[in-house]
Amino acid sequence: MQKQYRLKSNGAFRFVYRKGTSVSNKSMVLLFTKSTRGLHIGFSVSKNVGNSVTRNRVKRLLRENFRAMIDEVDHGFTYVVIARAELSEMDFHQIGVALRDVLTRAGKLRAL
């Protein structure tokens, strides 16, 4: 995923946590809020998911899956994806299905 879309600052994450709307499934939680600066996405993977190697793997897989569907996602929002422990046991395609599911539940995927 391109760096221009990444959510980096702690304050930006806290804003989405405070003001955002949440949608979840078994493996992740999606928080989103309206954005005036375009699409931004952040990923939060806690120590409950696993050790540092596992957490970084989950973040890489989430970023790559999001990158693949970036043209379908509504660009007027800031998103934060919070990983749950089940993600550590999933492969690339299962994570993609789960991410697509949570975005569809939120109504943030548009047809191409």
PDB file of N, CA and C in Angstrom:
ATOM      1  N   MET A   1       0.837  -1.173   0.000  1.00  0.00           N
ATOM      2  CA  MET A   1       0.000   0.000   0.000  1.00  0.00           C
ATOM      3  C   MET A   1       0.883   1.237   0.000  1.00  0.00           C
ATOM      4  N   GLN A   2       0.452   2.255  -0.699  1.00  0.00           N
ATOM      5  CA  GLN A   2       1.243   3.467  -0.806  1.00  0.00           C
ATOM      6  C   GLN A   2       1.249   4.231   0.508  1.00  0.00           C
ATOM      7  N   LYS A   3       2.378   4.875   0.792  1.00  0.00           N
ATOM      8  CA  LYS A   3       2.542   5.574   2.059  1.00  0.00           C
ATOM      9  C   LYS A   3       1.574   6.748   2.211  1.00  0.00           C
ATOM     10  N   GLN A   4       1.099   7.291   1.110  1.00  0.00           N
ATOM     11  CA  GLN A   4       0.188   8.434   1.202  1.00  0.00           C
ATOM     12  C   GLN A   4      -1.133   8.066   1.863  1.00  0.00           C
ATOM     13  N   TYR A   5      -1.471   6.792   1.892  1.00  0.00           N
ATOM     14  CA  TYR A   5      -2.722   6.347   2.483  1.00  0.00           C
ATOM     15  C   TYR A   5      -2.577   5.908   3.943  1.00  0.00           C
ATOM     16  N   ARG A   6      -1.369   5.830   4.450  1.00  0.00           N
ATOM     17  CA  ARG A   6      -1.162   5.288   5.787  1.00  0.00           C
ATOM     18  C   ARG A   6      -1.487   6.308   6.873  1.00  0.00           C
ATOM     19  N   LEU A   7      -2.125   5.816   7.899  1.00  0.00           N
ATOM     20  CA  LEU A   7      -2.433   6.599   9.087  1.00  0.00           C
ATOM     21  C   LEU A   7      -1.317   6.319  10.073  1.00  0.00           C
ATOM     22  N   LYS A   8      -0.619   7.358  10.526  1.00  0.00           N
ATOM     23  CA  LYS A   8       0.586   7.128  11.312  1.00  0.00           C
ATOM     24  C   LYS A   8       0.527   7.693  12.725  1.00  0.00           C
ATOM     25  N   SER A   9       0.000   8.888  12.896  1.00  0.00           N
ATOM     26  CA  SER A   9       0.128   9.550  14.188  1.00  0.00           C
ATOM     27  C   SER A   9      -0.837   8.980  15.222  1.00  0.00           C
ATOM     28  N   ASN A  10      -0.386   8.996  16.451  1.00  0.00           N
ATOM     29  CA  ASN A  10      -1.189   8.519  17.567  1.00  0.00           C
ATOM     30  C   ASN A  10      -2.473   9.336  17.696  1.00  0.00           C
ATOM     31  N   GLY A  11      -2.380  10.633  17.463  1.00  0.00           N
ATOM     32  CA  GLY A  11      -3.551  11.492  17.559  1.00  0.00           C
ATOM     33  C   GLY A  11      -4.618  11.141  16.532  1.00  0.00           C
ATOM     34  N   ALA A  12      -4.190  10.778  15.330  1.00  0.00           N
ATOM     35  CA  ALA A  12      -5.137  10.388  14.284  1.00  0.00           C
ATOM     36  C   ALA A  12      -5.839   9.085  14.656  1.00  0.00           C
ATOM     37  N   PHE A  13      -5.096   8.125  15.198  1.00  0.00           N
ATOM     38  CA  PHE A  13      -5.700   6.880  15.652  1.00  0.00           C
ATOM     39  C   PHE A  13      -6.704   7.151  16.775  1.00  0.00           C
ATOM     40  N   ARG A  14      -6.315   7.980  17.736  1.00  0.00           N
ATOM     41  CA  ARG A  14      -7.201   8.290  18.860  1.00  0.00           C
ATOM     42  C   ARG A  14      -8.474   8.980  18.391  1.00  0.00           C
ATOM     43  N   PHE A  15      -8.363   9.862  17.393  1.00  0.00           N
ATOM     44  CA  PHE A  15      -9.539  10.540  16.863  1.00  0.00           C
ATOM     45  C   PHE A  15     -10.528   9.534  16.278  1.00  0.00           C
ATOM     46  N   VAL A  16     -10.024   8.575  15.505  1.00  0.00           N
ATOM     47  CA  VAL A  16     -10.901   7.567  14.903  1.00  0.00           C
ATOM     48  C   VAL A  16     -11.500   6.678  15.992  1.00  0.00           C
ATOM     49  N   TYR A  17     -10.712   6.323  17.016  1.00  0.00           N
ATOM     50  CA  TYR A  17     -11.237   5.513  18.115  1.00  0.00           C
ATOM     51  C   TYR A  17     -12.383   6.244  18.822  1.00  0.00           C
ATOM     52  N   ARG A  18     -12.220   7.559  19.021  1.00  0.00           N
ATOM     53  CA  ARG A  18     -13.204   8.346  19.754  1.00  0.00           C
ATOM     54  C   ARG A  18     -14.454   8.642  18.934  1.00  0.00           C
ATOM     55  N   LYS A  19     -14.280   9.081  17.696  1.00  0.00           N
ATOM     56  CA  LYS A  19     -15.385   9.574  16.875  1.00  0.00           C
ATOM     57  C   LYS A  19     -15.909   8.571  15.860  1.00  0.00           C
ATOM     58  N   GLY A  20     -15.187   7.478  15.661  1.00  0.00           N
ATOM     59  CA  GLY A  20     -15.519   6.563  14.575  1.00  0.00           C
ATOM     60  C   GLY A  20     -16.693   5.641  14.852  1.00  0.00           C
ATOM     61  N   THR A  21     -17.224   5.111  13.766  1.00  0.00           N
ATOM     62  CA  THR A  21     -18.272   4.104  13.806  1.00  0.00           C
ATOM     63  C   THR A  21     -17.612   2.743  13.632  1.00  0.00           C
ATOM     64  N   SER A  22     -18.083   1.739  14.374  1.00  0.00           N
ATOM     65  CA  SER A  22     -17.421   0.441  14.298  1.00  0.00           C
ATOM     66  C   SER A  22     -18.326  -0.616  13.691  1.00  0.00           C
ATOM     67  N   VAL A  23     -17.687  -1.513  12.951  1.00  0.00           N
ATOM     68  CA  VAL A  23     -18.323  -2.692  12.378  1.00  0.00           C
ATOM     69  C   VAL A  23     -17.324  -3.824  12.592  1.00  0.00           C
ATOM     70  N   SER A  24     -17.831  -5.019  12.927  1.00  0.00           N
ATOM     71  CA  SER A  24     -16.884  -6.095  13.214  1.00  0.00           C
ATOM     72  C   SER A  24     -17.368  -7.424  12.658  1.00  0.00           C
ATOM     73  N   ASN A  25     -16.427  -8.341  12.569  1.00  0.00           N
ATOM     74  CA  ASN A  25     -16.734  -9.742  12.319  1.00  0.00           C
ATOM     75  C   ASN A  25     -15.879 -10.547  13.288  1.00  0.00           C
ATOM     76  N   LYS A  26     -15.772 -11.819  13.084  1.00  0.00           N
ATOM     77  CA  LYS A  26     -15.078 -12.687  14.034  1.00  0.00           C
ATOM     78  C   LYS A  26     -13.581 -12.368  14.152  1.00  0.00           C
ATOM     79  N   SER A  27     -12.979 -11.876  13.089  1.00  0.00           N
ATOM     80  CA  SER A  27     -11.523 -11.745  13.083  1.00  0.00           C
ATOM     81  C   SER A  27     -10.996 -10.315  13.128  1.00  0.00           C
ATOM     82  N   MET A  28     -11.857  -9.308  12.957  1.00  0.00           N
ATOM     83  CA  MET A  28     -11.371  -7.929  12.989  1.00  0.00           C
ATOM     84  C   MET A  28     -12.487  -6.951  13.267  1.00  0.00           C
ATOM     85  N   VAL A  29     -12.084  -5.741  13.656  1.00  0.00           N
ATOM     86  CA  VAL A  29     -12.999  -4.627  13.884  1.00  0.00           C
ATOM     87  C   VAL A  29     -12.577  -3.512  12.932  1.00  0.00           C
ATOM     88  N   LEU A  30     -13.544  -2.899  12.265  1.00  0.00           N
ATOM     89  CA  LEU A  30     -13.273  -1.766  11.383  1.00  0.00           C
ATOM     90  C   LEU A  30     -13.901  -0.531  11.995  1.00  0.00           C
ATOM     91  N   LEU A  31     -13.078   0.485  12.241  1.00  0.00           N
ATOM     92  CA  LEU A  31     -13.549   1.792  12.687  1.00  0.00           C
ATOM     93  C   LEU A  31     -13.366   2.749  11.528  1.00  0.00           C
ATOM     94  N   PHE A  32     -14.342   3.624  11.306  1.00  0.00           N
ATOM     95  CA  PHE A  32     -14.206   4.590  10.224  1.00  0.00           C
ATOM     96  C   PHE A  32     -14.886   5.890  10.598  1.00  0.00           C
ATOM     97  N   THR A  33     -14.366   6.967  10.055  1.00  0.00           N
ATOM     98  CA  THR A  33     -14.933   8.290  10.252  1.00  0.00           C
ATOM     99  C   THR A  33     -14.735   9.101   8.981  1.00  0.00           C
ATOM    100  N   LYS A  34     -15.592  10.049   8.766  1.00  0.00           N
ATOM    101  CA  LYS A  34     -15.529  10.902   7.576  1.00  0.00           C
ATOM    102  C   LYS A  34     -14.215  11.670   7.578  1.00  0.00           C
ATOM    103  N   SER A  35     -13.630  11.825   6.397  1.00  0.00           N
ATOM    104  CA  SER A  35     -12.339  12.493   6.273  1.00  0.00           C
ATOM    105  C   SER A  35     -12.414  13.602   5.242  1.00  0.00           C
ATOM    106  N   THR A  36     -11.793  14.727   5.545  1.00  0.00           N
ATOM    107  CA  THR A  36     -11.717  15.819   4.566  1.00  0.00           C
ATOM    108  C   THR A  36     -10.436  15.738   3.750  1.00  0.00           C
ATOM    109  N   ARG A  37      -9.498  14.888   4.164  1.00  0.00           N
ATOM    110  CA  ARG A  37      -8.208  14.783   3.487  1.00  0.00           C
ATOM    111  C   ARG A  37      -8.093  13.545   2.614  1.00  0.00           C
ATOM    112  N   GLY A  38      -9.189  12.857   2.382  1.00  0.00           N
ATOM    113  CA  GLY A  38      -9.133  11.672   1.534  1.00  0.00           C
ATOM    114  C   GLY A  38      -8.905  10.408   2.333  1.00  0.00           C
ATOM    115  N   LEU A  39      -8.602   9.343   1.610  1.00  0.00           N
ATOM    116  CA  LEU A  39      -8.458   8.014   2.201  1.00  0.00           C
ATOM    117  C   LEU A  39      -7.198   7.902   3.049  1.00  0.00           C
ATOM    118  N   HIS A  40      -7.378   7.399   4.267  1.00  0.00           N
ATOM    119  CA  HIS A  40      -6.268   7.026   5.139  1.00  0.00           C
ATOM    120  C   HIS A  40      -6.665   5.740   5.845  1.00  0.00           C
ATOM    121  N   ILE A  41      -5.675   4.868   6.044  1.00  0.00           N
ATOM    122  CA  ILE A  41      -5.937   3.580   6.680  1.00  0.00           C
ATOM    123  C   ILE A  41      -4.822   3.269   7.680  1.00  0.00           C
ATOM    124  N   GLY A  42      -5.227   2.778   8.846  1.00  0.00           N
ATOM    125  CA  GLY A  42      -4.270   2.379   9.863  1.00  0.00           C
ATOM    126  C   GLY A  42      -4.619   0.982  10.346  1.00  0.00           C
ATOM    127  N   PHE A  43      -3.615   0.257  10.788  1.00  0.00           N
ATOM    128  CA  PHE A  43      -3.815  -1.105  11.274  1.00  0.00           C
ATOM    129  C   PHE A  43      -3.298  -1.202  12.695  1.00  0.00           C
ATOM    130  N   SER A  44      -4.098  -1.801  13.560  1.00  0.00           N
ATOM    131  CA  SER A  44      -3.741  -1.977  14.960  1.00  0.00           C
ATOM    132  C   SER A  44      -3.758  -3.466  15.281  1.00  0.00           C
ATOM    133  N   VAL A  45      -2.594  -3.979  15.697  1.00  0.00           N
ATOM    134  CA  VAL A  45      -2.476  -5.400  16.035  1.00  0.00           C
ATOM    135  C   VAL A  45      -1.844  -5.480  17.420  1.00  0.00           C
ATOM    136  N   SER A  46      -2.620  -5.906  18.404  1.00  0.00           N
ATOM    137  CA  SER A  46      -2.147  -5.926  19.781  1.00  0.00           C
ATOM    138  C   SER A  46      -1.341  -7.190  20.081  1.00  0.00           C
ATOM    139  N   LYS A  47      -0.772  -7.213  21.262  1.00  0.00           N
ATOM    140  CA  LYS A  47       0.031  -8.368  21.679  1.00  0.00           C
ATOM    141  C   LYS A  47      -0.811  -9.611  21.894  1.00  0.00           C
ATOM    142  N   ASN A  48      -2.129  -9.461  21.955  1.00  0.00           N
ATOM    143  CA  ASN A  48      -3.002 -10.631  22.081  1.00  0.00           C
ATOM    144  C   ASN A  48      -2.959 -11.494  20.827  1.00  0.00           C
ATOM    145  N   VAL A  49      -2.558 -10.908  19.709  1.00  0.00           N
ATOM    146  CA  VAL A  49      -2.518 -11.641  18.441  1.00  0.00           C
ATOM    147  C   VAL A  49      -1.323 -12.589  18.397  1.00  0.00           C
ATOM    148  N   GLY A  50      -0.220 -12.207  19.010  1.00  0.00           N
ATOM    149  CA  GLY A  50       0.954 -13.079  19.006  1.00  0.00           C
ATOM    150  C   GLY A  50       2.222 -12.294  19.262  1.00  0.00           C
ATOM    151  N   ASN A  51       3.354 -12.947  18.995  1.00  0.00           N
ATOM    152  CA  ASN A  51       4.632 -12.272  19.188  1.00  0.00           C
ATOM    153  C   ASN A  51       4.880 -11.281  18.053  1.00  0.00           C
ATOM    154  N   SER A  52       6.008 -10.595  18.067  1.00  0.00           N
ATOM    155  CA  SER A  52       6.256  -9.524  17.100  1.00  0.00           C
ATOM    156  C   SER A  52       6.306 -10.035  15.666  1.00  0.00           C
ATOM    157  N   VAL A  53       6.828 -11.220  15.462  1.00  0.00           N
ATOM    158  CA  VAL A  53       6.884 -11.790  14.120  1.00  0.00           C
ATOM    159  C   VAL A  53       5.469 -12.022  13.591  1.00  0.00           C
ATOM    160  N   THR A  54       4.613 -12.564  14.409  1.00  0.00           N
ATOM    161  CA  THR A  54       3.228 -12.820  14.023  1.00  0.00           C
ATOM    162  C   THR A  54       2.477 -11.522  13.776  1.00  0.00           C
ATOM    163  N   ARG A  55       2.646 -10.542  14.666  1.00  0.00           N
ATOM    164  CA  ARG A  55       1.955  -9.256  14.511  1.00  0.00           C
ATOM    165  C   ARG A  55       2.373  -8.559  13.223  1.00  0.00           C
ATOM    166  N   ASN A  56       3.653  -8.558  12.930  1.00  0.00           N
ATOM    167  CA  ASN A  56       4.120  -7.915  11.703  1.00  0.00           C
ATOM    168  C   ASN A  56       3.629  -8.652  10.460  1.00  0.00           C
ATOM    169  N   ARG A  57       3.556  -9.972  10.519  1.00  0.00           N
ATOM    170  CA  ARG A  57       3.024 -10.752   9.396  1.00  0.00           C
ATOM    171  C   ARG A  57       1.561 -10.404   9.155  1.00  0.00           C
ATOM    172  N   VAL A  58       0.785 -10.321  10.222  1.00  0.00           N
ATOM    173  CA  VAL A  58      -0.633  -9.973  10.097  1.00  0.00           C
ATOM    174  C   VAL A  58      -0.783  -8.578   9.490  1.00  0.00           C
ATOM    175  N   LYS A  59       0.028  -7.615   9.948  1.00  0.00           N
ATOM    176  CA  LYS A  59      -0.042  -6.256   9.386  1.00  0.00           C
ATOM    177  C   LYS A  59       0.324  -6.249   7.904  1.00  0.00           C
ATOM    178  N   ARG A  60       1.345  -6.995   7.525  1.00  0.00           N
ATOM    179  CA  ARG A  60       1.735  -7.061   6.106  1.00  0.00           C
ATOM    180  C   ARG A  60       0.609  -7.635   5.260  1.00  0.00           C
ATOM    181  N   LEU A  61      -0.013  -8.709   5.735  1.00  0.00           N
ATOM    182  CA  LEU A  61      -1.097  -9.341   4.982  1.00  0.00           C
ATOM    183  C   LEU A  61      -2.318  -8.420   4.893  1.00  0.00           C
ATOM    184  N   LEU A  62      -2.629  -7.716   5.970  1.00  0.00           N
ATOM    185  CA  LEU A  62      -3.746  -6.765   5.932  1.00  0.00           C
ATOM    186  C   LEU A  62      -3.471  -5.629   4.944  1.00  0.00           C
ATOM    187  N   ARG A  63      -2.252  -5.076   5.005  1.00  0.00           N
ATOM    188  CA  ARG A  63      -1.895  -3.987   4.082  1.00  0.00           C
ATOM    189  C   ARG A  63      -1.991  -4.430   2.628  1.00  0.00           C
ATOM    190  N   GLU A  64      -1.489  -5.616   2.327  1.00  0.00           N
ATOM    191  CA  GLU A  64      -1.495  -6.099   0.945  1.00  0.00           C
ATOM    192  C   GLU A  64      -2.918  -6.384   0.467  1.00  0.00           C
ATOM    193  N   ASN A  65      -3.747  -6.946   1.312  1.00  0.00           N
ATOM    194  CA  ASN A  65      -5.140  -7.181   0.936  1.00  0.00           C
ATOM    195  C   ASN A  65      -5.884  -5.869   0.736  1.00  0.00           C
ATOM    196  N   PHE A  66      -5.627  -4.893   1.596  1.00  0.00           N
ATOM    197  CA  PHE A  66      -6.282  -3.602   1.426  1.00  0.00           C
ATOM    198  C   PHE A  66      -5.809  -2.921   0.143  1.00  0.00           C
ATOM    199  N   ARG A  67      -4.521  -3.046  -0.155  1.00  0.00           N
ATOM    200  CA  ARG A  67      -3.979  -2.455  -1.377  1.00  0.00           C
ATOM    201  C   ARG A  67      -4.662  -3.028  -2.609  1.00  0.00           C
ATOM    202  N   ALA A  68      -4.953  -4.316  -2.590  1.00  0.00           N
ATOM    203  CA  ALA A  68      -5.571  -4.968  -3.736  1.00  0.00           C
ATOM    204  C   ALA A  68      -6.994  -4.479  -3.981  1.00  0.00           C
ATOM    205  N   MET A  69      -7.677  -4.019  -2.943  1.00  0.00           N
ATOM    206  CA  MET A  69      -9.059  -3.561  -3.123  1.00  0.00           C
ATOM    207  C   MET A  69      -9.209  -2.059  -2.918  1.00  0.00           C
ATOM    208  N   ILE A  70      -8.111  -1.312  -3.022  1.00  0.00           N
ATOM    209  CA  ILE A  70      -8.140   0.120  -2.738  1.00  0.00           C
ATOM    210  C   ILE A  70      -9.028   0.902  -3.717  1.00  0.00           C
ATOM    211  N   ASP A  71      -9.166   0.421  -4.945  1.00  0.00           N
ATOM    212  CA  ASP A  71     -10.011   1.114  -5.914  1.00  0.00           C
ATOM    213  C   ASP A  71     -11.497   0.940  -5.611  1.00  0.00           C
ATOM    214  N   GLU A  72     -11.846  -0.096  -4.858  1.00  0.00           N
ATOM    215  CA  GLU A  72     -13.240  -0.376  -4.528  1.00  0.00           C
ATOM    216  C   GLU A  72     -13.699   0.311  -3.246  1.00  0.00           C
ATOM    217  N   VAL A  73     -12.755   0.782  -2.429  1.00  0.00           N
ATOM    218  CA  VAL A  73     -13.072   1.351  -1.125  1.00  0.00           C
ATOM    219  C   VAL A  73     -13.452   2.826  -1.278  1.00  0.00           C
ATOM    220  N   ASP A  74     -14.447   3.251  -0.506  1.00  0.00           N
ATOM    221  CA  ASP A  74     -14.873   4.645  -0.497  1.00  0.00           C
ATOM    222  C   ASP A  74     -13.731   5.515   0.029  1.00  0.00           C
ATOM    223  N   HIS A  75     -13.282   6.492  -0.759  1.00  0.00           N
ATOM    224  CA  HIS A  75     -12.091   7.279  -0.437  1.00  0.00           C
ATOM    225  C   HIS A  75     -12.366   8.476   0.466  1.00  0.00           C
ATOM    226  N   GLY A  76     -13.587   8.687   0.894  1.00  0.00           N
ATOM    227  CA  GLY A  76     -13.896   9.839   1.734  1.00  0.00           C
ATOM    228  C   GLY A  76     -13.812   9.566   3.222  1.00  0.00           C
ATOM    229  N   PHE A  77     -13.116   8.513   3.614  1.00  0.00           N
ATOM    230  CA  PHE A  77     -13.096   8.110   5.016  1.00  0.00           C
ATOM    231  C   PHE A  77     -11.690   7.773   5.488  1.00  0.00           C
ATOM    232  N   THR A  78     -11.522   7.822   6.809  1.00  0.00           N
ATOM    233  CA  THR A  78     -10.326   7.335   7.476  1.00  0.00           C
ATOM    234  C   THR A  78     -10.711   6.045   8.172  1.00  0.00           C
ATOM    235  N   TYR A  79      -9.929   4.991   7.957  1.00  0.00           N
ATOM    236  CA  TYR A  79     -10.235   3.662   8.483  1.00  0.00           C
ATOM    237  C   TYR A  79      -9.148   3.209   9.451  1.00  0.00           C
ATOM    238  N   VAL A  80      -9.561   2.475  10.474  1.00  0.00           N
ATOM    239  CA  VAL A  80      -8.628   1.771  11.348  1.00  0.00           C
ATOM    240  C   VAL A  80      -9.126   0.333  11.449  1.00  0.00           C
ATOM    241  N   VAL A  81      -8.248  -0.614  11.156  1.00  0.00           N
ATOM    242  CA  VAL A  81      -8.575  -2.036  11.259  1.00  0.00           C
ATOM    243  C   VAL A  81      -7.882  -2.568  12.512  1.00  0.00           C
ATOM    244  N   ILE A  82      -8.666  -3.116  13.415  1.00  0.00           N
ATOM    245  CA  ILE A  82      -8.136  -3.702  14.645  1.00  0.00           C
ATOM    246  C   ILE A  82      -8.207  -5.217  14.501  1.00  0.00           C
ATOM    247  N   ALA A  83      -7.057  -5.846  14.561  1.00  0.00           N
ATOM    248  CA  ALA A  83      -6.980  -7.303  14.377  1.00  0.00           C
ATOM    249  C   ALA A  83      -7.329  -8.025  15.666  1.00  0.00           C
ATOM    250  N   ARG A  84      -8.028  -9.138  15.523  1.00  0.00           N
ATOM    251  CA  ARG A  84      -8.302 -10.024  16.641  1.00  0.00           C
ATOM    252  C   ARG A  84      -7.398 -11.251  16.514  1.00  0.00           C
ATOM    253  N   ALA A  85      -7.324 -12.044  17.571  1.00  0.00           N
ATOM    254  CA  ALA A  85      -6.380 -13.167  17.633  1.00  0.00           C
ATOM    255  C   ALA A  85      -6.584 -14.186  16.511  1.00  0.00           C
ATOM    256  N   GLU A  86      -7.807 -14.327  15.987  1.00  0.00           N
ATOM    257  CA  GLU A  86      -8.078 -15.308  14.938  1.00  0.00           C
ATOM    258  C   GLU A  86      -7.286 -15.026  13.659  1.00  0.00           C
ATOM    259  N   LEU A  87      -6.912 -13.769  13.434  1.00  0.00           N
ATOM    260  CA  LEU A  87      -6.172 -13.424  12.211  1.00  0.00           C
ATOM    261  C   LEU A  87      -4.805 -14.090  12.140  1.00  0.00           C
ATOM    262  N   SER A  88      -4.212 -14.383  13.280  1.00  0.00           N
ATOM    263  CA  SER A  88      -2.870 -14.973  13.264  1.00  0.00           C
ATOM    264  C   SER A  88      -2.869 -16.373  12.662  1.00  0.00           C
ATOM    265  N   GLU A  89      -4.020 -17.028  12.642  1.00  0.00           N
ATOM    266  CA  GLU A  89      -4.100 -18.388  12.110  1.00  0.00           C
ATOM    267  C   GLU A  89      -4.612 -18.428  10.677  1.00  0.00           C
ATOM    268  N   MET A  90      -4.906 -17.269  10.091  1.00  0.00           N
ATOM    269  CA  MET A  90      -5.453 -17.220   8.734  1.00  0.00           C
ATOM    270  C   MET A  90      -4.347 -17.015   7.705  1.00  0.00           C
ATOM    271  N   ASP A  91      -4.621 -17.475   6.472  1.00  0.00           N
ATOM    272  CA  ASP A  91      -3.687 -17.221   5.389  1.00  0.00           C
ATOM    273  C   ASP A  91      -4.131 -15.974   4.612  1.00  0.00           C
ATOM    274  N   PHE A  92      -3.384 -15.653   3.568  1.00  0.00           N
ATOM    275  CA  PHE A  92      -3.598 -14.436   2.803  1.00  0.00           C
ATOM    276  C   PHE A  92      -5.028 -14.319   2.282  1.00  0.00           C
ATOM    277  N   HIS A  93      -5.542 -15.373   1.679  1.00  0.00           N
ATOM    278  CA  HIS A  93      -6.868 -15.321   1.067  1.00  0.00           C
ATOM    279  C   HIS A  93      -7.978 -15.238   2.105  1.00  0.00           C
ATOM    280  N   GLN A  94      -7.828 -15.924   3.211  1.00  0.00           N
ATOM    281  CA  GLN A  94      -8.829 -15.858   4.271  1.00  0.00           C
ATOM    282  C   GLN A  94      -8.892 -14.453   4.876  1.00  0.00           C
ATOM    283  N   ILE A  95      -7.736 -13.816   5.026  1.00  0.00           N
ATOM    284  CA  ILE A  95      -7.711 -12.446   5.536  1.00  0.00           C
ATOM    285  C   ILE A  95      -8.392 -11.509   4.542  1.00  0.00           C
ATOM    286  N   GLY A  96      -8.162 -11.732   3.257  1.00  0.00           N
ATOM    287  CA  GLY A  96      -8.818 -10.922   2.230  1.00  0.00           C
ATOM    288  C   GLY A  96     -10.331 -11.052   2.264  1.00  0.00           C
ATOM    289  N   VAL A  97     -10.813 -12.267   2.457  1.00  0.00           N
ATOM    290  CA  VAL A  97     -12.265 -12.498   2.546  1.00  0.00           C
ATOM    291  C   VAL A  97     -12.832 -11.807   3.788  1.00  0.00           C
ATOM    292  N   ALA A  98     -12.131 -11.901   4.912  1.00  0.00           N
ATOM    293  CA  ALA A  98     -12.596 -11.276   6.149  1.00  0.00           C
ATOM    294  C   ALA A  98     -12.602  -9.750   6.032  1.00  0.00           C
ATOM    295  N   LEU A  99     -11.570  -9.193   5.390  1.00  0.00           N
ATOM    296  CA  LEU A  99     -11.501  -7.740   5.200  1.00  0.00           C
ATOM    297  C   LEU A  99     -12.612  -7.268   4.269  1.00  0.00           C
ATOM    298  N   ARG A 100     -12.838  -7.990   3.195  1.00  0.00           N
ATOM    299  CA  ARG A 100     -13.928  -7.647   2.265  1.00  0.00           C
ATOM    300  C   ARG A 100     -15.275  -7.733   2.978  1.00  0.00           C
ATOM    301  N   ASP A 101     -15.439  -8.736   3.840  1.00  0.00           N
ATOM    302  CA  ASP A 101     -16.687  -8.902   4.587  1.00  0.00           C
ATOM    303  C   ASP A 101     -16.952  -7.709   5.501  1.00  0.00           C
ATOM    304  N   VAL A 102     -15.956  -7.288   6.249  1.00  0.00           N
ATOM    305  CA  VAL A 102     -16.165  -6.188   7.194  1.00  0.00           C
ATOM    306  C   VAL A 102     -16.389  -4.865   6.446  1.00  0.00           C
ATOM    307  N   LEU A 103     -15.722  -4.665   5.323  1.00  0.00           N
ATOM    308  CA  LEU A 103     -15.957  -3.453   4.522  1.00  0.00           C
ATOM    309  C   LEU A 103     -17.349  -3.460   3.901  1.00  0.00           C
ATOM    310  N   THR A 104     -17.818  -4.631   3.493  1.00  0.00           N
ATOM    311  CA  THR A 104     -19.166  -4.752   2.933  1.00  0.00           C
ATOM    312  C   THR A 104     -20.225  -4.486   4.012  1.00  0.00           C
ATOM    313  N   ARG A 105     -20.003  -5.011   5.213  1.00  0.00           N
ATOM    314  CA  ARG A 105     -20.935  -4.761   6.317  1.00  0.00           C
ATOM    315  C   ARG A 105     -21.029  -3.269   6.631  1.00  0.00           C
ATOM    316  N   ALA A 106     -19.900  -2.575   6.486  1.00  0.00           N
ATOM    317  CA  ALA A 106     -19.893  -1.135   6.754  1.00  0.00           C
ATOM    318  C   ALA A 106     -20.462  -0.330   5.601  1.00  0.00           C
ATOM    319  N   GLY A 107     -20.639  -0.979   4.435  1.00  0.00           N
ATOM    320  CA  GLY A 107     -21.147  -0.276   3.267  1.00  0.00           C
ATOM    321  C   GLY A 107     -20.110   0.613   2.613  1.00  0.00           C
ATOM    322  N   LYS A 108     -18.863   0.283   2.732  1.00  0.00           N
ATOM    323  CA  LYS A 108     -17.774   1.124   2.222  1.00  0.00           C
ATOM    324  C   LYS A 108     -17.131   0.589   0.957  1.00  0.00           C
ATOM    325  N   LEU A 109     -17.651  -0.496   0.390  1.00  0.00           N
ATOM    326  CA  LEU A 109     -17.167  -1.000  -0.895  1.00  0.00           C
ATOM    327  C   LEU A 109     -18.116  -0.535  -1.988  1.00  0.00           C
ATOM    328  N   ARG A 110     -17.553  -0.036  -3.050  1.00  0.00           N
ATOM    329  CA  ARG A 110     -18.376   0.379  -4.183  1.00  0.00           C
ATOM    330  C   ARG A 110     -18.096  -0.526  -5.359  1.00  0.00           C
ATOM    331  N   ALA A 111     -19.078  -0.688  -6.206  1.00  0.00           N
ATOM    332  CA  ALA A 111     -18.910  -1.550  -7.382  1.00  0.00           C
ATOM    333  C   ALA A 111     -18.035  -0.852  -8.422  1.00  0.00           C
ATOM    334  N   LEU A 112     -17.202  -1.612  -9.068  1.00  0.00           N
ATOM    335  CA  LEU A 112     -16.342  -1.046 -10.105  1.00  0.00           C
ATOM    336  C   LEU A 112     -17.048  -0.950 -11.436  1.00  0.00           C
TER     337      LEU A 112
END
